[in-house]
Amino acid sequence: MVGGALFGVAAGCLVELEHRVACGDGYTDQLAGEECDPADRPSYELACEQRGFAAGVARCDPTTCQIEATAELCAVCGDGVLSPGEECDGNNLANKKCLSGADLVTCNQATCTYDLSACPACGNGVVDPAHGEECDWNVEPGEIADPEVVECAELQPLGEIQYKGYASGEVPVDTCTTKCRFPRDKCSFCGDGVVDKAYTDIGGPDGDLILKGAEVCDGKDVEPERLIKHCREVCTGDALSTLNLRCDFECINNCGALVSPEPAEARCCVLGGDSCDPVLPCCFALDNPGEDGCAAVLVETPNGTIFVDRCRSL
């Protein structure tokens, strides 16, 4: 009877234990909301891998009994495995390249973050005048602001002729070379009144040096021999004429050609020192109205010294 009574009492005193967080007791009470217990290492030590990290050892919060498996704990920088929280690890760059497209990105081995210091400024999508950039070929077309063209006069020549400025031409702002400079193929020195020889200049999408042809003329400037040859054809129709002539002309085709009006309007004349022509006047007479353009001068000949008519010099 006693035993039975005791059993009954014991049976009547059975109650469900209270579940509460008790960190450090070596028992993970999941019903109390515990994920782990600091004294129960197996309850948390593999949590990094269980949560998708490549390595690392998680921790158990000694107050809340919650697993701590953050990227700082679980991502082991230097193991060559790209873990959450790492931009890169060793040679694993996740195919990261410079904004310019250059394959020059490296990984900071201490922080597993990208090192972009070797990336060129050109092509990063930002115009950087400090690095000599005039434009950036990687800028989206919609980001290009007005105006739509750049006057060549605002650009510094980059080829052989760098001591003078362009006189004409304009460049569309959306034509940036791979060297982050505007191409100069549309720029010209034509219009500065000085005939230039052939020179190399920047042109084309790759920003390479190209040969620009010599100017035939520029304004009223033209090589005397070239003008004489041109005027012989215009004024006499005889390219084989030996007269040294002058005529009115216009410089056209971006300083690449001479053109003159009809002979009657081209004011054709014979230059000083040449023989007086019965048809064409001497240039001296045209330049000095009312004065005789022809004068007798002494000339040595095989038969002795004689007087001959020559056009007077200016």
Protein backbone atom coordinates (compact mmCIF):
# COMPACT_ATOMS: atom_id res chain seq x y z
CA MET A 1 0.00 0.00 0.00
CA VAL A 2 2.74 2.34 0.88
CA GLY A 3 4.54 1.67 -2.31
CA GLY A 4 1.41 2.15 -4.27
CA ALA A 5 0.63 5.36 -2.49
CA LEU A 6 4.05 6.64 -3.12
CA PHE A 7 3.76 5.73 -6.76
CA GLY A 8 0.52 7.50 -6.98
CA VAL A 9 1.94 10.56 -5.38
CA ALA A 10 4.92 10.41 -7.65
CA ALA A 11 2.68 9.93 -10.62
CA GLY A 12 0.53 12.80 -9.56
CA CYS A 13 3.55 15.14 -9.25
CA LEU A 14 4.87 14.67 -12.82
CA VAL A 15 4.82 18.04 -14.65
CA GLU A 16 6.33 19.18 -17.95
CA LEU A 17 9.70 20.85 -17.47
CA GLU A 18 9.91 24.61 -18.23
CA HIS A 19 11.79 25.38 -21.44
CA ARG A 20 13.95 28.47 -21.20
CA VAL A 21 17.18 29.72 -22.69
CA ALA A 22 20.05 28.58 -20.52
CA CYS A 23 23.26 29.23 -22.42
CA GLY A 24 26.25 27.36 -21.10
CA ASP A 25 24.48 24.36 -19.64
CA GLY A 26 25.85 22.15 -22.40
CA TYR A 27 22.40 21.36 -23.76
CA THR A 28 20.78 22.87 -26.84
CA ASP A 29 17.16 23.31 -25.96
CA GLN A 30 15.52 23.79 -29.32
CA LEU A 31 12.08 24.00 -27.74
CA ALA A 32 13.34 27.08 -25.90
CA GLY A 33 14.50 28.56 -29.19
CA GLU A 34 18.18 27.75 -28.78
CA GLU A 35 20.13 27.07 -31.99
CA CYS A 36 23.25 26.09 -30.12
CA ASP A 37 24.96 26.12 -26.76
CA PRO A 38 28.47 27.51 -26.20
CA ALA A 39 29.37 24.36 -24.27
CA ASP A 40 27.96 22.12 -27.00
CA ARG A 41 30.55 22.65 -29.78
CA PRO A 42 29.00 20.20 -32.29
CA SER A 43 25.84 22.32 -32.20
CA TYR A 44 27.48 25.18 -34.07
CA GLU A 45 31.01 24.41 -35.35
CA LEU A 46 29.86 23.14 -38.77
CA ALA A 47 27.32 25.90 -39.31
CA CYS A 48 29.51 27.80 -41.81
CA GLU A 49 29.48 24.96 -44.32
CA GLN A 50 25.84 24.14 -43.54
CA ARG A 51 24.94 27.70 -44.51
CA GLY A 52 26.80 27.67 -47.81
CA PHE A 53 30.23 28.94 -46.85
CA ALA A 54 33.34 27.17 -48.03
CA ALA A 55 35.06 27.07 -44.66
CA GLY A 56 35.36 28.81 -41.32
CA VAL A 57 34.18 28.09 -37.80
CA ALA A 58 30.94 29.55 -36.55
CA ARG A 59 30.29 30.70 -32.99
CA CYS A 60 27.46 30.45 -30.51
CA ASP A 61 26.26 33.65 -28.90
CA PRO A 62 26.75 33.13 -25.13
CA THR A 63 23.66 35.18 -24.32
CA THR A 64 21.09 34.21 -26.92
CA CYS A 65 22.32 30.73 -27.85
CA GLN A 66 22.00 31.69 -31.53
CA ILE A 67 24.49 30.57 -34.16
CA GLU A 68 26.83 33.24 -35.46
CA ALA A 69 27.84 32.28 -39.00
CA THR A 70 28.55 35.65 -40.57
CA ALA A 71 30.68 36.25 -43.65
CA GLU A 72 33.42 37.65 -41.41
CA LEU A 73 33.59 34.35 -39.51
CA CYS A 74 32.98 31.90 -42.30
CA ALA A 75 34.71 33.46 -45.32
CA VAL A 76 38.37 32.54 -45.00
CA CYS A 77 40.35 35.01 -47.12
CA GLY A 78 43.22 33.27 -48.83
CA ASP A 79 41.76 29.82 -49.26
CA GLY A 80 41.18 30.43 -52.97
CA VAL A 81 37.46 29.84 -52.60
CA LEU A 82 35.09 32.68 -53.29
CA SER A 83 32.88 32.82 -50.22
CA PRO A 84 29.94 35.08 -49.39
CA GLY A 85 31.26 38.46 -48.34
CA GLU A 86 34.39 38.14 -50.52
CA GLU A 87 34.78 39.96 -53.83
CA CYS A 88 37.64 37.67 -54.79
CA ASP A 89 40.01 35.15 -53.29
CA GLY A 90 43.47 34.46 -54.62
CA ASN A 91 43.25 33.99 -58.37
CA ASN A 92 39.49 33.66 -58.25
CA LEU A 93 38.33 37.06 -59.51
CA ALA A 94 34.81 36.06 -60.51
CA ASN A 95 35.71 37.21 -64.05
CA LYS A 96 36.08 40.79 -62.84
CA LYS A 97 37.75 43.14 -65.36
CA CYS A 98 38.54 46.83 -65.47
CA LEU A 99 35.69 49.04 -66.62
CA SER A 100 37.77 49.64 -69.73
CA GLY A 101 37.70 45.90 -70.42
CA ALA A 102 41.37 45.46 -69.57
CA ASP A 103 42.25 42.26 -67.71
CA LEU A 104 44.31 44.00 -65.03
CA VAL A 105 42.25 43.43 -61.87
CA THR A 106 44.01 41.70 -58.98
CA CYS A 107 42.84 40.53 -55.55
CA ASN A 108 43.95 42.08 -52.27
CA GLN A 109 45.13 39.01 -50.39
CA ALA A 110 44.57 40.61 -47.00
CA THR A 111 40.96 41.67 -47.50
CA CYS A 112 39.81 39.57 -50.49
CA THR A 113 38.60 42.74 -52.22
CA TYR A 114 39.33 43.90 -55.76
CA ASP A 115 42.47 45.89 -56.43
CA LEU A 116 41.76 48.18 -59.42
CA SER A 117 44.92 50.29 -59.13
CA ALA A 118 46.40 48.86 -62.34
CA CYS A 119 43.28 49.62 -64.38
CA PRO A 120 43.71 52.42 -66.94
CA ALA A 121 41.69 55.57 -66.42
CA CYS A 122 40.82 55.58 -70.11
CA GLY A 123 37.73 53.50 -70.65
CA ASN A 124 36.36 53.69 -67.13
CA GLY A 125 33.38 55.71 -68.31
CA VAL A 126 34.52 58.95 -66.68
CA VAL A 127 36.29 61.78 -68.49
CA ASP A 128 39.44 62.48 -66.49
CA PRO A 129 41.27 65.62 -67.72
CA ALA A 130 43.95 65.08 -65.05
CA HIS A 131 45.08 62.02 -67.03
CA GLY A 132 44.96 63.90 -70.33
CA GLU A 133 41.54 62.58 -71.33
CA GLU A 134 39.36 64.67 -73.63
CA CYS A 135 36.58 62.10 -73.73
CA ASP A 136 35.95 58.52 -72.70
CA TRP A 137 34.94 55.91 -75.27
CA ASN A 138 33.10 53.91 -72.60
CA VAL A 139 30.55 56.67 -71.87
CA GLU A 140 27.01 55.66 -72.75
CA PRO A 141 25.65 57.66 -75.74
CA GLY A 142 22.75 58.92 -73.66
CA GLU A 143 25.15 60.41 -71.13
CA ILE A 144 26.88 62.67 -73.66
CA ALA A 145 25.87 66.25 -73.05
CA ASP A 146 25.44 69.12 -75.49
CA PRO A 147 26.98 70.42 -77.63
CA GLU A 148 27.11 67.58 -80.11
CA VAL A 149 30.40 68.71 -81.68
CA VAL A 150 33.72 70.05 -80.49
CA GLU A 151 35.40 72.79 -82.48
CA CYS A 152 38.85 71.74 -83.62
CA ALA A 153 40.14 75.17 -82.60
CA GLU A 154 39.61 74.03 -78.99
CA LEU A 155 41.85 70.97 -79.44
CA GLN A 156 45.63 70.78 -79.22
CA PRO A 157 47.29 69.08 -82.23
CA LEU A 158 48.85 65.78 -81.18
CA GLY A 159 51.00 64.88 -84.17
CA GLU A 160 54.10 66.54 -85.53
CA ILE A 161 52.62 70.04 -85.66
CA GLN A 162 52.00 70.97 -82.05
CA TYR A 163 53.18 74.56 -82.08
CA LYS A 164 50.10 75.93 -83.81
CA GLY A 165 46.35 75.60 -83.42
CA TYR A 166 43.77 74.24 -85.82
CA ALA A 167 42.00 76.79 -87.97
CA SER A 168 38.96 74.79 -89.06
CA GLY A 169 36.94 71.63 -88.58
CA GLU A 170 34.80 70.08 -85.87
CA VAL A 171 34.58 66.67 -84.22
CA PRO A 172 31.40 64.86 -83.10
CA VAL A 173 31.54 64.34 -79.33
CA ASP A 174 30.54 60.69 -79.70
CA THR A 175 33.67 59.83 -81.70
CA CYS A 176 36.18 59.17 -78.95
CA THR A 177 39.31 57.15 -79.73
CA THR A 178 40.47 54.18 -77.68
CA LYS A 179 43.09 56.53 -76.23
CA CYS A 180 40.36 58.80 -74.84
CA ARG A 181 41.08 61.66 -77.20
CA PHE A 182 39.02 63.12 -79.98
CA PRO A 183 40.18 62.07 -83.47
CA ARG A 184 41.83 64.87 -85.43
CA ASP A 185 41.07 63.53 -88.91
CA LYS A 186 38.40 66.23 -89.42
CA CYS A 187 40.64 69.00 -88.10
CA SER A 188 42.67 71.21 -90.38
CA PHE A 189 45.11 74.10 -90.39
CA CYS A 190 43.41 75.33 -93.54
CA GLY A 191 42.34 78.91 -93.02
CA ASP A 192 45.34 80.26 -91.15
CA GLY A 193 46.84 81.73 -94.34
CA VAL A 194 49.98 79.61 -94.27
CA VAL A 195 50.66 76.65 -96.57
CA ASP A 196 51.59 73.61 -94.46
CA LYS A 197 53.64 70.65 -95.55
CA ALA A 198 52.53 67.05 -95.00
CA TYR A 199 52.46 66.00 -91.36
CA THR A 200 51.24 63.19 -89.12
CA ASP A 201 48.22 63.75 -86.91
CA ILE A 202 45.79 61.80 -84.73
CA GLY A 203 42.91 60.23 -86.60
CA GLY A 204 40.58 57.24 -86.62
CA PRO A 205 38.87 55.34 -83.81
CA ASP A 206 42.12 53.84 -82.50
CA GLY A 207 43.78 57.24 -82.15
CA ASP A 208 46.72 56.31 -84.35
CA LEU A 209 48.95 58.75 -86.19
CA ILE A 210 47.94 59.25 -89.80
CA LEU A 211 49.60 61.19 -92.60
CA LYS A 212 47.80 64.39 -93.57
CA GLY A 213 48.54 65.67 -97.08
CA ALA A 214 50.34 68.91 -97.71
CA GLU A 215 48.28 72.00 -98.47
CA VAL A 216 48.30 73.27 -102.04
CA CYS A 217 47.32 76.73 -100.91
CA ASP A 218 45.88 78.55 -97.91
CA GLY A 219 43.99 81.78 -98.50
CA LYS A 220 46.29 83.82 -100.70
CA ASP A 221 49.38 81.86 -99.76
CA VAL A 222 50.65 79.48 -102.44
CA GLU A 223 54.08 78.32 -103.55
CA PRO A 224 55.21 80.59 -106.45
CA GLU A 225 56.11 77.66 -108.71
CA ARG A 226 52.71 76.08 -108.22
CA LEU A 227 50.91 79.35 -108.94
CA ILE A 228 52.98 79.94 -112.07
CA LYS A 229 52.13 76.49 -113.39
CA HIS A 230 48.45 77.02 -112.62
CA CYS A 231 48.36 80.43 -114.28
CA ARG A 232 50.10 79.19 -117.41
CA GLU A 233 47.25 76.75 -117.91
CA VAL A 234 44.54 79.27 -117.07
CA CYS A 235 45.86 82.31 -118.88
CA THR A 236 47.41 80.92 -122.02
CA GLY A 237 45.96 77.44 -122.36
CA ASP A 238 49.50 76.33 -123.09
CA ALA A 239 51.06 74.41 -120.22
CA LEU A 240 54.39 74.48 -122.05
CA SER A 241 54.61 78.28 -121.97
CA THR A 242 57.83 79.60 -120.52
CA LEU A 243 56.32 82.82 -119.23
CA ASN A 244 56.23 83.27 -115.48
CA LEU A 245 52.66 84.36 -114.89
CA ARG A 246 50.41 85.53 -112.11
CA CYS A 247 46.64 85.33 -112.00
CA ASP A 248 43.73 85.67 -109.61
CA PHE A 249 42.81 82.42 -107.88
CA GLU A 250 40.75 80.92 -105.10
CA CYS A 251 41.92 78.23 -102.70
CA ILE A 252 39.31 75.45 -102.42
CA ASN A 253 38.78 71.84 -101.27
CA ASN A 254 40.16 72.37 -97.77
CA CYS A 255 43.27 74.04 -99.15
CA GLY A 256 43.81 71.26 -101.64
CA ALA A 257 43.29 72.95 -105.00
CA LEU A 258 43.50 76.20 -106.95
CA VAL A 259 40.72 77.51 -109.15
CA SER A 260 40.61 80.67 -111.26
CA PRO A 261 37.95 82.48 -113.26
CA GLU A 262 38.02 82.68 -117.03
CA PRO A 263 41.24 84.18 -118.45
CA ALA A 264 39.53 87.49 -119.20
CA GLU A 265 38.61 87.86 -115.53
CA ALA A 266 41.69 86.23 -114.01
CA ARG A 267 43.82 89.37 -114.45
CA CYS A 268 46.65 87.39 -115.98
CA CYS A 269 49.99 89.18 -116.10
CA VAL A 270 53.72 88.57 -116.58
CA LEU A 271 55.94 88.65 -113.50
CA GLY A 272 58.83 91.07 -113.20
CA GLY A 273 62.05 90.10 -114.93
CA ASP A 274 60.35 88.10 -117.66
CA SER A 275 59.98 89.13 -121.28
CA CYS A 276 57.24 91.62 -122.03
CA ASP A 277 54.36 89.80 -123.74
CA PRO A 278 52.45 91.47 -126.56
CA VAL A 279 49.17 90.07 -125.26
CA LEU A 280 49.48 89.91 -121.47
CA PRO A 281 50.36 93.00 -119.42
CA CYS A 282 53.19 93.13 -116.93
CA CYS A 283 52.08 92.62 -113.32
CA PHE A 284 53.83 95.88 -112.44
CA ALA A 285 51.43 97.79 -114.67
CA LEU A 286 48.41 96.14 -113.05
CA ASP A 287 49.70 96.93 -109.58
CA ASN A 288 50.70 100.47 -110.48
CA PRO A 289 48.01 101.96 -112.74
CA GLY A 290 49.28 104.65 -115.05
CA GLU A 291 52.87 103.44 -115.04
CA ASP A 292 54.64 101.57 -117.81
CA GLY A 293 55.18 97.99 -116.76
CA CYS A 294 57.79 97.26 -119.41
CA ALA A 295 61.33 98.67 -119.47
CA ALA A 296 64.45 98.21 -121.60
CA VAL A 297 67.33 96.53 -119.78
CA LEU A 298 70.87 95.59 -120.86
CA VAL A 299 71.36 91.87 -121.45
CA GLU A 300 74.58 90.03 -122.31
CA THR A 301 74.25 87.89 -125.47
CA PRO A 302 76.75 85.93 -127.59
CA ASN A 303 76.63 88.89 -129.98
CA GLY A 304 77.34 91.42 -127.28
CA THR A 305 75.31 93.58 -124.89
CA ILE A 306 71.90 94.63 -126.14
CA PHE A 307 68.76 96.26 -124.83
CA VAL A 308 65.71 94.03 -124.42
CA ASP A 309 62.26 94.71 -123.00
CA ARG A 310 61.57 93.15 -119.61
CA CYS A 311 58.66 93.49 -117.21
CA ARG A 312 59.55 95.68 -114.29
CA SER A 313 59.79 94.09 -110.85
CA LEU A 314 57.44 95.11 -108.08
